[in-house]
Amino acid sequence: MAFDLETLFDELNEGLYLVNTQRVIQRWNRAAEKITGYSADEVVGKRCADNILCHVDETGTPLCVTRCPLADTMADEQPREARVYLRHKDGHRVPVKVRATALRNE
């Protein structure tokens, strides 16, 4: 039985996206579409720092300008987990737990 990473990525029940070293979104799975309301076509190729999802902490402070878990993980390669809120395409806030892990092509 062949292992198909693309199918696995899309069939996960958890929202997952991958970015490159410039934080440009490279992959966006179906669960991410469902959670955020944004299709892959709307976000792939855009920088997460363009604030598409407007990640904020519990006080409403924007994480892209203060303490972005993804940027911190990319800087020191230490995995991180944080409870944040994102803005759904329809405008409402969605509480999520984010996990950032650095993957390297070697």
Protein backbone atom coordinates (compact mmCIF):
# COMPACT_ATOMS: atom_id res chain seq x y z
CA MET A 1 0.00 0.00 0.00
CA ALA A 2 1.48 3.33 -1.10
CA PHE A 3 1.77 6.12 1.42
CA ASP A 4 0.22 9.32 0.09
CA LEU A 5 1.28 12.30 2.17
CA GLU A 6 -0.99 14.70 0.26
CA THR A 7 -4.08 12.61 1.05
CA LEU A 8 -3.08 12.33 4.70
CA PHE A 9 -2.57 16.10 4.90
CA ASP A 10 -6.02 16.81 3.47
CA GLU A 11 -7.85 14.16 5.49
CA LEU A 12 -6.65 15.33 8.92
CA ASN A 13 -9.42 16.63 11.16
CA GLU A 14 -7.09 19.33 12.48
CA GLY A 15 -6.42 22.49 10.54
CA LEU A 16 -2.88 22.44 9.22
CA TYR A 17 -0.88 24.78 7.06
CA LEU A 18 2.73 24.92 6.00
CA VAL A 19 4.81 28.02 5.38
CA ASN A 20 8.25 28.56 3.88
CA THR A 21 11.08 30.49 5.53
CA GLN A 22 9.51 33.80 4.48
CA ARG A 23 6.23 32.66 6.12
CA VAL A 24 4.47 32.40 2.76
CA ILE A 25 1.69 29.82 3.03
CA GLN A 26 2.54 26.79 0.87
CA ARG A 27 -0.18 24.29 1.88
CA TRP A 28 -3.60 24.66 3.52
CA ASN A 29 -5.68 21.60 4.32
CA ARG A 30 -9.45 21.08 4.21
CA ALA A 31 -9.82 21.30 7.99
CA ALA A 32 -8.10 24.71 7.90
CA GLU A 33 -10.65 25.73 5.26
CA LYS A 34 -13.50 24.61 7.50
CA ILE A 35 -12.13 26.31 10.64
CA THR A 36 -11.29 29.63 8.98
CA GLY A 37 -13.75 29.89 6.09
CA TYR A 38 -10.84 30.56 3.70
CA SER A 39 -10.18 28.18 0.83
CA ALA A 40 -6.65 27.10 -0.04
CA ASP A 41 -6.91 29.19 -3.23
CA GLU A 42 -7.49 32.30 -1.10
CA VAL A 43 -4.46 31.86 1.17
CA VAL A 44 -1.76 29.80 -0.56
CA GLY A 45 0.93 32.18 -1.79
CA LYS A 46 0.12 34.84 0.80
CA ARG A 47 2.23 35.61 3.85
CA CYS A 48 0.65 34.68 7.16
CA ALA A 49 2.04 38.01 8.43
CA ASP A 50 -0.33 39.75 5.98
CA ASN A 51 -2.79 39.14 8.80
CA ILE A 52 -5.32 37.14 6.83
CA LEU A 53 -6.38 35.39 10.03
CA CYS A 54 -5.64 38.27 12.41
CA HIS A 55 -4.33 36.05 15.21
CA VAL A 56 -4.78 37.75 18.59
CA ASP A 57 -4.20 36.70 22.18
CA GLU A 58 -6.87 36.62 24.91
CA THR A 59 -6.58 40.39 25.40
CA GLY A 60 -7.01 41.14 21.69
CA THR A 61 -3.34 42.00 21.10
CA PRO A 62 -2.32 41.14 17.51
CA LEU A 63 0.30 38.39 17.58
CA CYS A 64 1.84 39.21 14.21
CA VAL A 65 3.27 42.42 15.64
CA THR A 66 4.05 41.30 19.18
CA ARG A 67 4.90 37.66 19.82
CA CYS A 68 4.09 35.37 16.94
CA PRO A 69 4.52 31.70 17.96
CA LEU A 70 5.35 30.74 14.38
CA ALA A 71 8.04 33.41 13.96
CA ASP A 72 9.54 32.49 17.34
CA THR A 73 9.64 28.80 16.40
CA MET A 74 11.25 29.56 13.06
CA ALA A 75 13.89 31.64 14.85
CA ASP A 76 14.90 29.10 17.49
CA GLU A 77 13.44 25.82 16.16
CA GLN A 78 11.70 25.15 19.48
CA PRO A 79 8.13 23.81 19.19
CA ARG A 80 5.44 26.04 20.65
CA GLU A 81 1.80 25.78 21.57
CA ALA A 82 -0.53 28.70 22.30
CA ARG A 83 -4.21 29.40 22.71
CA VAL A 84 -5.15 32.22 20.37
CA TYR A 85 -8.09 33.58 18.43
CA LEU A 86 -8.35 33.94 14.69
CA ARG A 87 -10.79 35.90 12.60
CA HIS A 88 -13.06 33.70 10.48
CA LYS A 89 -13.72 34.87 6.93
CA ASP A 90 -17.26 35.77 8.06
CA GLY A 91 -15.80 38.10 10.71
CA HIS A 92 -16.35 36.23 13.99
CA ARG A 93 -13.54 35.22 16.34
CA VAL A 94 -12.64 31.54 16.62
CA PRO A 95 -10.67 30.22 19.62
CA VAL A 96 -7.94 27.80 18.52
CA LYS A 97 -4.88 26.09 19.93
CA VAL A 98 -1.93 26.55 17.60
CA ARG A 99 1.16 24.39 17.47
CA ALA A 100 4.24 25.54 15.62
CA THR A 101 7.00 23.13 14.67
CA ALA A 102 9.99 23.83 12.44
CA LEU A 103 10.53 21.36 9.60
CA ARG A 104 13.76 21.57 7.65
CA ASN A 105 14.58 20.31 4.17
CA GLU A 106 18.04 18.86 4.51
